[in-house]
Amino acid sequence: MTTTPAARETEPTATARAAYAVNAGVAWFGLAVTLVVSALDGYDRVPVEAGLYGDTARGAAGTLARVADTLSYFTIWSNVVVAVSVTLLLARPLRPTRVVRVLRLTGLLMITVTAIVYQVLLAPAVDVTGWSLLTDPVLHVVTPALTVLVWVVWGPRGWVTLREVPLALVVPLVWIAWMLARGAVVHAYPYGFANVEELGYGPVAVTLATILVFGIVIAAVFWGAERRLQRWAADARDLRARSRRGRRGRAGR
């Protein structure tokens, strides 16, 4: 059976599949360890500001609350989207549906925002100890850097268009709705800048809107980078084709 050009474009090479597997494996590893340690109450206890996650019962009594808190962090959502979207790239045959393409850009967008917001707003005030010495770098540094690197080198190319840019905000908007709705019930929020109990809805809404605008800028940067990478890939293919034609011409003389 012959393979159409479109099918060849969506079938990753062995090297690309290995890169996707490593990327997905690291993301799933970080998530799994974080959830297990949280469920077992393994993280060091630190004083918690009023209105923030972390004021849960110790031991088994607080398991459900700790896991629910953990699953409500933007960091966890971003790592989940990365893990799922990159795992989908290992499918055979790879079907680049709109949902798959949007998830790919959403993962890139969310994990990049996670890394930047963590380094700028959160890391300076966080005292990393115990199990956090393992999970914090994996969730906030290793997975983001690896995800962007794998995308730059192995793509897939041609998936990021202007149509996907606004759709990449759907999951972040769902997270905001969930975080605020749950916070209104449990009176606790994941981050200081989202602490409605302390700041009120107005300032929190301004901060979240600013981060969403920043997210659109990040998505647009990925779109611009995609166009540049596509041009470089096309130029490289043309150069290889001319080189092959030149070798055949010399061999025929």
Protein backbone atom coordinates (compact mmCIF):
# COMPACT_ATOMS: atom_id res chain seq x y z
CA MET A 1 0.00 0.00 0.00
CA THR A 2 1.35 3.44 -0.89
CA THR A 3 1.37 6.30 1.59
CA THR A 4 -0.07 9.64 0.61
CA PRO A 5 1.95 12.81 1.18
CA ALA A 6 -0.56 13.95 3.81
CA ALA A 7 -0.19 10.69 5.72
CA ARG A 8 3.59 10.92 5.56
CA GLU A 9 3.44 14.43 7.00
CA THR A 10 1.48 13.24 10.04
CA GLU A 11 3.54 10.10 10.70
CA PRO A 12 6.35 11.00 13.13
CA THR A 13 9.84 9.63 12.61
CA ALA A 14 11.34 7.19 15.09
CA THR A 15 13.41 9.99 16.59
CA ALA A 16 10.37 12.23 16.95
CA ARG A 17 8.40 9.43 18.59
CA ALA A 18 11.25 8.87 21.06
CA ALA A 19 11.26 12.60 21.88
CA TYR A 20 7.47 12.61 22.35
CA ALA A 21 7.73 9.54 24.61
CA VAL A 22 10.36 11.19 26.82
CA ASN A 23 8.34 14.42 26.99
CA ALA A 24 5.14 12.60 27.90
CA GLY A 25 6.94 10.32 30.35
CA VAL A 26 8.49 13.22 32.26
CA ALA A 27 5.15 15.05 32.43
CA TRP A 28 3.27 11.94 33.65
CA PHE A 29 6.05 11.22 36.16
CA GLY A 30 5.83 14.70 37.68
CA LEU A 31 2.05 14.47 37.93
CA ALA A 32 2.05 10.99 39.44
CA VAL A 33 4.66 11.76 42.09
CA THR A 34 2.93 15.03 43.01
CA LEU A 35 -0.46 13.37 43.46
CA VAL A 36 0.95 10.44 45.45
CA VAL A 37 3.00 12.63 47.77
CA SER A 38 0.05 14.96 48.25
CA ALA A 39 -2.35 12.11 48.98
CA LEU A 40 0.06 10.64 51.53
CA ASP A 41 0.61 14.05 53.17
CA GLY A 42 4.29 13.85 52.31
CA TYR A 43 4.96 17.53 51.63
CA ASP A 44 6.50 19.61 54.41
CA ARG A 45 3.94 21.68 56.27
CA VAL A 46 4.46 25.44 56.05
CA PRO A 47 2.41 28.34 57.42
CA VAL A 48 -0.50 29.04 55.07
CA GLU A 49 -1.82 32.50 54.35
CA ALA A 50 -5.55 32.88 54.97
CA GLY A 51 -7.55 32.07 51.87
CA LEU A 52 -4.93 29.84 50.24
CA TYR A 53 -4.78 26.08 49.74
CA GLY A 54 -2.88 24.03 52.28
CA ASP A 55 -4.89 24.30 55.48
CA THR A 56 -6.08 20.67 55.44
CA ALA A 57 -6.27 17.98 58.07
CA ARG A 58 -3.19 15.84 58.53
CA GLY A 59 -2.96 12.22 57.43
CA ALA A 60 -5.81 10.22 55.96
CA ALA A 61 -8.44 12.68 57.20
CA GLY A 62 -7.19 15.33 54.78
CA THR A 63 -6.47 13.10 51.78
CA LEU A 64 -9.46 14.09 49.64
CA ALA A 65 -9.03 17.79 50.39
CA ARG A 66 -5.29 17.69 49.59
CA VAL A 67 -5.84 15.83 46.31
CA ALA A 68 -8.66 18.20 45.34
CA ASP A 69 -6.42 21.19 46.08
CA THR A 70 -3.58 19.67 44.06
CA LEU A 71 -5.84 19.01 41.08
CA SER A 72 -7.03 22.62 41.16
CA TYR A 73 -3.64 24.24 40.53
CA PHE A 74 -3.02 25.75 37.10
CA THR A 75 0.39 24.07 37.19
CA ILE A 76 -1.23 20.65 37.39
CA TRP A 77 -3.72 21.44 34.63
CA SER A 78 -0.91 22.64 32.35
CA ASN A 79 1.13 19.49 32.98
CA VAL A 80 -1.94 17.30 32.37
CA VAL A 81 -2.62 19.01 29.02
CA VAL A 82 1.02 18.57 28.03
CA ALA A 83 1.02 14.90 29.07
CA VAL A 84 -2.22 14.16 27.18
CA SER A 85 -1.38 16.19 24.06
CA VAL A 86 2.12 14.73 23.69
CA THR A 87 0.86 11.21 24.38
CA LEU A 88 -1.60 11.68 21.50
CA LEU A 89 1.38 12.37 19.22
CA LEU A 90 2.43 8.75 19.72
CA ALA A 91 -0.78 7.46 18.12
CA ARG A 92 -0.51 5.47 14.89
CA PRO A 93 -1.61 6.79 12.54
CA LEU A 94 -1.36 10.29 13.90
CA ARG A 95 -4.62 12.09 13.09
CA PRO A 96 -4.19 15.88 13.22
CA THR A 97 -7.81 16.75 14.07
CA ARG A 98 -8.71 20.23 15.25
CA VAL A 99 -8.97 18.99 18.85
CA VAL A 100 -5.51 17.39 18.72
CA ARG A 101 -3.96 20.51 17.18
CA VAL A 102 -5.62 22.83 19.71
CA LEU A 103 -4.54 20.60 22.61
CA ARG A 104 -0.96 20.73 21.32
CA LEU A 105 -0.96 24.55 21.29
CA THR A 106 -2.87 24.70 24.59
CA GLY A 107 -0.21 22.55 26.25
CA LEU A 108 2.56 24.77 24.90
CA LEU A 109 0.75 27.92 25.98
CA MET A 110 -0.18 26.74 29.47
CA ILE A 111 3.16 25.16 30.34
CA THR A 112 5.01 28.29 29.17
CA VAL A 113 2.77 30.54 31.27
CA THR A 114 3.28 28.14 34.20
CA ALA A 115 7.06 28.41 33.93
CA ILE A 116 7.09 32.20 33.58
CA VAL A 117 4.53 32.95 36.29
CA TYR A 118 6.26 30.55 38.66
CA GLN A 119 9.68 32.13 38.14
CA VAL A 120 8.40 35.72 38.29
CA LEU A 121 5.60 35.66 40.87
CA LEU A 122 5.84 32.48 42.94
CA ALA A 123 9.40 31.15 43.17
CA PRO A 124 10.81 34.21 45.00
CA ALA A 125 8.36 33.59 47.87
CA VAL A 126 8.50 29.78 47.94
CA ASP A 127 10.78 27.88 50.32
CA VAL A 128 11.35 24.59 48.50
CA THR A 129 12.01 21.68 50.87
CA GLY A 130 11.42 17.93 51.11
CA TRP A 131 9.60 16.31 48.22
CA SER A 132 9.15 19.73 46.60
CA LEU A 133 12.85 19.62 45.74
CA LEU A 134 11.88 16.90 43.24
CA THR A 135 8.39 17.81 42.07
CA ASP A 136 8.72 21.61 41.79
CA PRO A 137 11.59 21.53 39.26
CA VAL A 138 9.89 18.77 37.23
CA LEU A 139 6.55 20.57 37.06
CA HIS A 140 7.81 24.13 36.65
CA VAL A 141 11.17 23.84 34.86
CA VAL A 142 11.97 20.46 33.32
CA THR A 143 8.60 19.72 31.70
CA PRO A 144 8.17 23.28 30.33
CA ALA A 145 11.71 23.39 28.88
CA LEU A 146 11.43 19.89 27.43
CA THR A 147 8.00 20.57 25.94
CA VAL A 148 9.11 23.71 24.12
CA LEU A 149 12.35 22.07 22.95
CA VAL A 150 10.54 19.02 21.57
CA TRP A 151 8.06 21.26 19.76
CA VAL A 152 10.81 23.40 18.21
CA VAL A 153 12.76 20.39 16.95
CA TRP A 154 10.04 17.83 16.17
CA GLY A 155 6.81 19.81 15.87
CA PRO A 156 4.67 18.55 14.27
CA ARG A 157 4.97 21.46 11.88
CA GLY A 158 1.97 23.21 10.37
CA TRP A 159 -0.36 22.69 13.33
CA VAL A 160 -0.29 26.20 14.80
CA THR A 161 -2.45 28.61 12.81
CA LEU A 162 -4.31 31.77 13.77
CA ARG A 163 -7.51 29.72 14.04
CA GLU A 164 -6.01 27.72 16.91
CA VAL A 165 -4.74 30.73 18.89
CA PRO A 166 -8.07 31.83 20.47
CA LEU A 167 -9.17 28.21 20.96
CA ALA A 168 -6.04 27.59 23.05
CA LEU A 169 -7.64 29.77 25.77
CA VAL A 170 -10.60 27.42 26.28
CA VAL A 171 -8.90 25.19 28.88
CA PRO A 172 -7.39 28.15 30.81
CA LEU A 173 -10.85 29.75 30.93
CA VAL A 174 -12.36 26.49 32.22
CA TRP A 175 -9.63 26.40 34.90
CA ILE A 176 -10.45 29.96 35.97
CA ALA A 177 -14.16 29.11 36.23
CA TRP A 178 -13.41 25.94 38.23
CA MET A 179 -10.89 27.64 40.52
CA LEU A 180 -13.21 30.54 41.34
CA ALA A 181 -16.31 28.36 41.74
CA ARG A 182 -14.53 25.91 44.03
CA GLY A 183 -12.93 28.77 45.94
CA ALA A 184 -16.33 30.28 46.63
CA VAL A 185 -17.29 26.98 48.28
CA VAL A 186 -14.13 26.08 50.20
CA HIS A 187 -12.98 29.71 50.72
CA ALA A 188 -9.46 28.93 49.52
CA TYR A 189 -7.53 29.59 46.31
CA PRO A 190 -4.31 28.23 44.80
CA TYR A 191 -2.24 31.42 44.45
CA GLY A 192 -1.82 34.71 46.26
CA PHE A 193 -2.76 36.70 43.15
CA ALA A 194 -6.02 34.70 42.94
CA ASN A 195 -6.87 34.94 46.65
CA VAL A 196 -10.38 36.38 46.51
CA GLU A 197 -10.72 36.08 50.29
CA GLU A 198 -7.87 38.54 50.72
CA LEU A 199 -8.03 40.71 47.59
CA GLY A 200 -11.63 40.59 46.43
CA TYR A 201 -12.98 39.70 43.01
CA GLY A 202 -12.06 42.98 41.31
CA PRO A 203 -8.27 42.86 41.70
CA VAL A 204 -8.23 39.11 41.10
CA ALA A 205 -10.23 39.55 37.87
CA VAL A 206 -7.77 42.21 36.67
CA THR A 207 -4.80 39.95 37.37
CA LEU A 208 -6.40 36.93 35.68
CA ALA A 209 -7.38 39.03 32.66
CA THR A 210 -3.80 40.28 32.41
CA ILE A 211 -2.49 36.70 32.48
CA LEU A 212 -5.00 35.71 29.77
CA VAL A 213 -3.81 38.57 27.56
CA PHE A 214 -0.26 37.44 28.23
CA GLY A 215 -1.36 33.94 27.21
CA ILE A 216 -2.67 35.26 23.89
CA VAL A 217 0.69 36.94 23.31
CA ILE A 218 2.50 33.66 24.07
CA ALA A 219 0.21 31.77 21.66
CA ALA A 220 0.86 34.40 18.99
CA VAL A 221 4.61 34.00 19.56
CA PHE A 222 4.28 30.26 18.97
CA TRP A 223 2.31 30.99 15.79
CA GLY A 224 5.03 33.33 14.53
CA ALA A 225 7.73 30.83 15.46
CA GLU A 226 5.78 28.11 13.65
CA ARG A 227 5.79 30.11 10.41
CA ARG A 228 9.53 30.74 10.71
CA LEU A 229 10.25 27.07 11.46
CA GLN A 230 8.13 26.00 8.49
CA ARG A 231 10.14 28.26 6.20
CA TRP A 232 13.40 26.88 7.56
CA ALA A 233 12.15 23.31 7.08
CA ALA A 234 11.09 24.09 3.50
CA ASP A 235 14.46 25.70 2.75
CA ALA A 236 16.24 22.66 4.19
CA ARG A 237 14.15 20.29 2.02
CA ASP A 238 14.91 22.37 -1.08
CA LEU A 239 18.62 22.36 -0.27
CA ARG A 240 18.63 18.57 0.17
CA ALA A 241 16.69 18.12 -3.08
CA ARG A 242 19.15 20.31 -5.02
CA SER A 243 22.04 18.42 -3.46
CA ARG A 244 20.56 15.06 -4.54
CA ARG A 245 19.94 16.34 -8.06
CA GLY A 246 23.51 17.60 -8.21
CA ARG A 247 24.90 14.22 -7.11
CA ARG A 248 22.78 12.38 -9.69
CA GLY A 249 23.93 14.79 -12.39
CA ARG A 250 27.59 14.25 -11.58
CA ALA A 251 27.08 10.49 -11.43
CA GLY A 252 25.56 10.50 -14.91
CA ARG A 253 28.52 12.20 -16.53
